[in-house]
Amino acid sequence: MIYSMTGFGSARAEAPNLSVLVEIKSVNHRYLDVHIKIPSEYQNFENIIRQKTSGAFKRGRLDAFVRIDYKRENIKLDVNHNLIRAYVDMMSGLKSAYPIQGDISLEMITRLPGLVTISTGDLSQEELDLIGRMLAEAADGALAQLNQMRIAEGKALMEDIDRRTANIDRRLRTILAHANDFLEHYRRQLIARVTELAPQLVAESGHRLETEALLYAERSDIAEETTRLRSHLDQFAGLKNLREEAGKRMDFILQEMNREVTTILSKTSGLNELGAGIGQAAIEIKVEIEKLREQVQNLE
């Protein structure tokens, strides 16, 4: 199944006096990149989220937000005395260096971010286990919701990808329909052009000119490129049933397809109307390939 790397999931788990909320957002990324925002007093529980996200997904940037509300009867606060000391020293230095009036107040100090934190050092093992279970439950719910959204987004992406590959298939059929006639038509056109420009040369070495024209025309043969393009298109379609890293493999095949189409364009550009028709179909294929590459960047 194909997954998108874009999605969002949210879940809450509750117990007496305890509420845990987990929200997870994901976007595309080459690798799995997990960022977790959790209250500082509960940092020890961060690994629960990290292990679950790493086990659930292979690619994507995941931003997890965790909120834990635990209404305890006895709350112990920790004060960052080093922060206060550094702040007081800084203010004293500023007052010595500049004509600053006023004293440091308790109100000023309490505004310092990170000054006071809720201590979890006095939590019992039973309380720690309860918080861990509720966090794991909320994380599972958020990840399940996120996964469902990534599946739905993946289906929508694949519908668009299928439409674009069908367009490529139609344009390739157009190229193949004209490819056989193109070589002979180009050979005759080349001889006619040389005859117009150098009739004496044609009269003196007609057979050799015919041979050289045929060899030159064969260099514009696009049979090999169209065969490889068809093969790549079939391989691309087969990746839809891949379970892992489908996006990376699709992107690689699209690069190969683009290379073949570029060669077809270089062989047919600036030639007769038949070549122009092939070139137009090739350009439309290139446009679809570029759009496909944008889409597969978001597939896991």
Protein backbone atom coordinates (compact mmCIF):
# COMPACT_ATOMS: atom_id res chain seq x y z
CA MET A 1 0.00 0.00 0.00
CA ILE A 2 1.21 3.50 -0.85
CA TYR A 3 1.34 6.03 1.98
CA SER A 4 1.56 9.79 1.83
CA MET A 5 3.96 11.50 4.22
CA THR A 6 1.42 14.24 4.97
CA GLY A 7 -1.04 13.83 7.81
CA PHE A 8 -2.20 14.73 11.30
CA GLY A 9 -3.33 12.74 14.31
CA SER A 10 -4.58 13.66 17.77
CA ALA A 11 -5.68 11.58 20.76
CA ARG A 12 -6.28 11.99 24.47
CA ALA A 13 -5.98 9.50 27.33
CA GLU A 14 -7.39 10.15 30.79
CA ALA A 15 -7.24 8.74 34.29
CA PRO A 16 -8.31 10.22 37.66
CA ASN A 17 -6.60 13.62 37.98
CA LEU A 18 -4.57 12.94 34.81
CA SER A 19 -5.10 14.00 31.18
CA VAL A 20 -2.59 13.36 28.40
CA LEU A 21 -2.94 14.88 24.91
CA VAL A 22 -0.71 13.86 21.99
CA GLU A 23 -0.82 15.59 18.59
CA ILE A 24 1.42 14.51 15.72
CA LYS A 25 1.86 16.25 12.37
CA SER A 26 3.88 14.81 9.50
CA VAL A 27 5.25 16.23 6.24
CA ASN A 28 7.56 14.86 3.58
CA HIS A 29 11.25 14.28 4.29
CA ARG A 30 13.95 12.07 2.78
CA TYR A 31 14.37 10.19 6.06
CA LEU A 32 12.51 9.76 9.32
CA ASP A 33 12.99 12.93 11.36
CA VAL A 34 11.12 13.08 14.69
CA HIS A 35 10.76 16.25 16.80
CA ILE A 36 8.98 16.07 20.16
CA LYS A 37 7.76 18.95 22.30
CA ILE A 38 6.95 17.74 25.81
CA PRO A 39 6.85 19.62 29.16
CA SER A 40 10.34 19.76 30.61
CA GLU A 41 9.32 18.01 33.83
CA TYR A 42 8.24 14.98 31.80
CA GLN A 43 11.26 14.75 29.48
CA ASN A 44 11.97 11.24 30.73
CA PHE A 45 8.85 10.04 28.91
CA GLU A 46 9.94 11.36 25.51
CA ASN A 47 11.40 8.02 24.47
CA ILE A 48 7.93 6.46 24.52
CA ILE A 49 6.86 8.72 21.65
CA ARG A 50 10.14 8.31 19.80
CA GLN A 51 10.04 4.52 19.87
CA LYS A 52 6.44 4.38 18.70
CA THR A 53 6.94 6.80 15.81
CA SER A 54 10.15 5.06 14.71
CA GLY A 55 8.34 1.73 14.67
CA ALA A 56 5.36 3.06 12.73
CA PHE A 57 6.97 5.03 9.88
CA LYS A 58 10.03 4.90 7.64
CA ARG A 59 10.11 8.42 6.20
CA GLY A 60 8.79 11.90 6.92
CA ARG A 61 9.30 14.72 9.39
CA LEU A 62 7.09 14.17 12.43
CA ASP A 63 6.37 16.95 14.94
CA ALA A 64 4.79 15.64 18.14
CA PHE A 65 3.22 17.90 20.76
CA VAL A 66 2.56 16.41 24.20
CA ARG A 67 0.48 18.01 26.96
CA ILE A 68 0.26 16.37 30.38
CA ASP A 69 -2.12 17.74 33.02
CA TYR A 70 -1.65 15.98 36.33
CA LYS A 71 -3.62 17.46 39.24
CA ARG A 72 -1.61 16.39 42.27
CA GLU A 73 -2.47 17.33 45.82
CA ASN A 74 1.16 17.87 46.78
CA ILE A 75 3.17 19.72 44.18
CA LYS A 76 6.85 20.41 44.56
CA LEU A 77 8.44 23.22 42.59
CA ASP A 78 12.08 23.32 41.53
CA VAL A 79 13.77 26.72 41.25
CA ASN A 80 16.72 27.30 38.94
CA HIS A 81 19.04 29.11 41.36
CA ASN A 82 21.88 29.22 38.82
CA LEU A 83 19.61 31.14 36.46
CA ILE A 84 18.77 33.69 39.15
CA ARG A 85 22.42 34.11 40.07
CA ALA A 86 23.42 34.66 36.44
CA TYR A 87 20.61 37.18 35.95
CA VAL A 88 21.55 39.16 39.06
CA ASP A 89 25.22 39.19 38.04
CA MET A 90 24.32 40.42 34.58
CA MET A 91 22.09 43.21 35.88
CA SER A 92 24.73 44.29 38.41
CA GLY A 93 27.31 44.44 35.62
CA LEU A 94 25.02 46.56 33.45
CA LYS A 95 24.38 48.99 36.33
CA SER A 96 28.12 49.33 36.89
CA ALA A 97 28.84 49.97 33.22
CA TYR A 98 25.93 52.26 32.41
CA PRO A 99 23.88 54.91 34.26
CA ILE A 100 20.93 52.59 34.90
CA GLN A 101 18.57 53.36 37.76
CA GLY A 102 16.38 50.92 39.68
CA ASP A 103 16.70 47.73 41.65
CA ILE A 104 16.10 44.12 40.73
CA SER A 105 12.68 43.04 41.98
CA LEU A 106 11.14 39.66 42.67
CA GLU A 107 8.60 40.37 39.92
CA MET A 108 11.39 40.82 37.38
CA ILE A 109 13.03 37.56 38.41
CA THR A 110 9.82 35.52 38.27
CA ARG A 111 9.37 36.53 34.63
CA LEU A 112 12.48 34.60 33.64
CA PRO A 113 11.53 31.68 31.37
CA GLY A 114 12.45 28.31 32.86
CA LEU A 115 12.92 29.72 36.36
CA VAL A 116 10.37 27.45 38.05
CA THR A 117 9.51 23.90 37.02
CA ILE A 118 7.29 21.27 38.54
CA SER A 119 9.36 18.56 40.13
CA THR A 120 8.66 14.94 39.23
CA GLY A 121 11.36 13.61 41.52
CA ASP A 122 8.84 12.89 44.26
CA LEU A 123 6.48 10.91 42.03
CA SER A 124 5.92 7.34 43.13
CA GLN A 125 6.62 4.44 40.81
CA GLU A 126 2.88 3.86 40.56
CA GLU A 127 2.36 7.45 39.38
CA LEU A 128 5.20 7.18 36.88
CA ASP A 129 3.76 3.96 35.47
CA LEU A 130 0.31 5.55 35.15
CA ILE A 131 1.69 8.56 33.26
CA GLY A 132 3.68 6.25 30.98
CA ARG A 133 0.61 4.12 30.20
CA MET A 134 -1.59 7.12 29.46
CA LEU A 135 1.09 8.67 27.27
CA ALA A 136 1.51 5.41 25.34
CA GLU A 137 -2.27 5.13 24.90
CA ALA A 138 -2.60 8.68 23.60
CA ALA A 139 0.41 8.21 21.31
CA ASP A 140 -1.08 5.03 19.85
CA GLY A 141 -4.35 6.82 19.15
CA ALA A 142 -2.64 9.80 17.53
CA LEU A 143 -0.42 7.55 15.40
CA ALA A 144 -3.40 5.46 14.29
CA GLN A 145 -5.27 8.60 13.22
CA LEU A 146 -2.16 9.93 11.49
CA ASN A 147 -1.70 6.63 9.69
CA GLN A 148 -5.29 6.66 8.42
CA MET A 149 -4.85 10.17 7.06
CA ARG A 150 -1.59 9.18 5.37
CA ILE A 151 -3.37 6.22 3.75
CA ALA A 152 -6.19 8.48 2.52
CA GLU A 153 -3.70 11.04 1.20
CA GLY A 154 -1.75 8.23 -0.45
CA LYS A 155 -4.84 7.01 -2.30
CA ALA A 156 -5.57 10.52 -3.55
CA LEU A 157 -1.97 10.90 -4.72
CA MET A 158 -2.06 7.54 -6.52
CA GLU A 159 -5.25 8.50 -8.34
CA ASP A 160 -3.48 11.58 -9.68
CA ILE A 161 -0.36 9.54 -10.49
CA ASP A 162 -2.45 6.98 -12.38
CA ARG A 163 -4.03 9.74 -14.46
CA ARG A 164 -0.63 11.14 -15.35
CA THR A 165 0.91 7.78 -16.22
CA ALA A 166 -2.12 7.11 -18.44
CA ASN A 167 -1.38 10.41 -20.22
CA ILE A 168 2.24 9.34 -20.69
CA ASP A 169 1.09 6.02 -22.11
CA ARG A 170 -1.15 7.79 -24.65
CA ARG A 171 1.66 10.14 -25.71
CA LEU A 172 4.06 7.21 -26.02
CA ARG A 173 1.58 5.41 -28.29
CA THR A 174 1.50 8.54 -30.44
CA ILE A 175 5.28 8.49 -30.72
CA LEU A 176 5.34 4.79 -31.55
CA ALA A 177 2.66 5.26 -34.23
CA HIS A 178 4.90 7.73 -36.07
CA ALA A 179 8.33 6.30 -35.24
CA ASN A 180 8.45 3.75 -38.10
CA ASP A 181 7.41 6.29 -40.74
CA PHE A 182 9.71 8.93 -39.31
CA LEU A 183 12.98 7.20 -40.24
CA GLU A 184 12.13 6.69 -43.92
CA HIS A 185 10.53 10.11 -44.20
CA TYR A 186 13.62 11.74 -42.71
CA ARG A 187 15.93 9.84 -45.11
CA ARG A 188 13.96 11.01 -48.15
CA GLN A 189 13.82 14.58 -46.85
CA LEU A 190 17.58 14.60 -46.27
CA ILE A 191 18.32 13.43 -49.83
CA ALA A 192 15.88 15.96 -51.27
CA ARG A 193 17.51 18.76 -49.34
CA VAL A 194 21.02 17.78 -50.45
CA THR A 195 19.80 17.45 -54.05
CA GLU A 196 18.41 20.96 -53.86
CA LEU A 197 21.63 22.42 -52.47
CA ALA A 198 24.21 20.37 -54.43
CA PRO A 199 22.68 18.72 -57.52
CA GLN A 200 26.12 18.09 -59.05
CA LEU A 201 27.17 16.13 -55.95
CA VAL A 202 24.09 13.94 -56.23
CA ALA A 203 24.73 13.27 -59.91
CA GLU A 204 28.30 12.18 -59.27
CA SER A 205 27.80 10.05 -56.15
CA GLY A 206 24.12 9.20 -55.91
CA HIS A 207 24.59 5.71 -54.47
CA ARG A 208 27.03 6.89 -51.83
CA LEU A 209 24.73 9.74 -50.86
CA GLU A 210 21.88 7.26 -50.47
CA THR A 211 24.00 5.14 -48.14
CA GLU A 212 25.20 8.10 -46.11
CA ALA A 213 21.65 9.43 -45.80
CA LEU A 214 20.46 6.07 -44.55
CA LEU A 215 23.24 5.88 -41.95
CA TYR A 216 22.58 9.43 -40.80
CA ALA A 217 18.85 8.76 -40.57
CA GLU A 218 19.47 5.66 -38.47
CA ARG A 219 21.18 7.87 -35.91
CA SER A 220 17.81 9.55 -35.47
CA ASP A 221 16.09 6.21 -34.88
CA ILE A 222 14.22 6.38 -31.55
CA ALA A 223 13.23 2.70 -31.30
CA GLU A 224 15.70 2.02 -28.50
CA GLU A 225 14.54 5.00 -26.45
CA THR A 226 10.86 4.20 -26.85
CA THR A 227 11.47 0.57 -25.87
CA ARG A 228 13.24 1.63 -22.68
CA LEU A 229 10.59 4.25 -21.97
CA ARG A 230 7.88 1.60 -22.25
CA SER A 231 9.85 -0.68 -19.92
CA HIS A 232 10.29 2.09 -17.34
CA LEU A 233 6.59 2.93 -17.50
CA ASP A 234 5.69 -0.71 -16.81
CA GLN A 235 8.16 -0.86 -13.92
CA PHE A 236 6.70 2.33 -12.48
CA ALA A 237 3.20 0.85 -12.52
CA GLY A 238 4.47 -2.26 -10.73
CA LEU A 239 5.73 -0.22 -7.78
CA LYS A 240 2.20 0.60 -6.64
CA ASN A 241 2.09 -2.68 -4.71
CA LEU A 242 5.41 -2.08 -2.97
CA ARG A 243 5.25 -1.94 0.82
CA GLU A 244 8.36 0.12 1.51
CA GLU A 245 10.22 3.02 -0.09
CA ALA A 246 7.95 3.18 -3.12
CA GLY A 247 8.45 6.93 -3.38
CA LYS A 248 12.25 6.68 -3.66
CA ARG A 249 12.08 3.97 -6.32
CA MET A 250 9.42 5.80 -8.29
CA ASP A 251 11.55 8.93 -8.30
CA PHE A 252 14.54 6.97 -9.63
CA ILE A 253 12.51 5.46 -12.49
CA LEU A 254 11.08 8.87 -13.36
CA GLN A 255 14.63 10.19 -13.70
CA GLU A 256 15.39 7.38 -16.15
CA MET A 257 12.18 8.08 -18.08
CA ASN A 258 13.10 11.75 -18.31
CA ARG A 259 16.50 10.81 -19.72
CA GLU A 260 14.92 8.74 -22.53
CA VAL A 261 12.43 11.46 -23.42
CA THR A 262 15.21 14.04 -23.55
CA THR A 263 17.08 11.85 -26.03
CA ILE A 264 13.96 11.46 -28.17
CA LEU A 265 13.59 15.23 -28.25
CA SER A 266 17.22 15.75 -29.24
CA LYS A 267 16.86 13.29 -32.14
CA THR A 268 13.63 14.73 -33.50
CA SER A 269 13.89 18.48 -32.85
CA GLY A 270 14.16 20.83 -35.81
CA LEU A 271 13.03 18.22 -38.35
CA ASN A 272 9.94 17.76 -40.52
CA GLU A 273 6.30 17.88 -39.45
CA LEU A 274 6.40 14.23 -38.46
CA GLY A 275 9.37 14.89 -36.18
CA ALA A 276 7.60 17.94 -34.76
CA GLY A 277 4.59 15.77 -33.86
CA ILE A 278 6.85 13.30 -32.07
CA GLY A 279 8.62 16.16 -30.34
CA GLN A 280 5.34 17.65 -29.11
CA ALA A 281 4.28 14.31 -27.63
CA ALA A 282 7.70 13.99 -25.98
CA ILE A 283 7.40 17.48 -24.47
CA GLU A 284 4.00 16.59 -23.02
CA ILE A 285 5.55 13.44 -21.52
CA LYS A 286 8.31 15.54 -19.92
CA VAL A 287 5.69 17.84 -18.38
CA GLU A 288 3.87 14.88 -16.87
CA ILE A 289 7.13 13.40 -15.57
CA GLU A 290 7.98 16.64 -13.77
CA LYS A 291 4.55 16.73 -12.16
CA LEU A 292 4.91 13.09 -11.18
CA ARG A 293 8.26 13.76 -9.55
CA GLU A 294 6.61 16.43 -7.42
CA GLN A 295 3.95 13.96 -6.35
CA VAL A 296 6.19 11.00 -5.53
CA GLN A 297 8.31 13.25 -3.27
CA ASN A 298 5.42 13.01 -0.82
CA LEU A 299 5.16 9.21 -0.90
CA GLU A 300 6.69 7.10 1.84
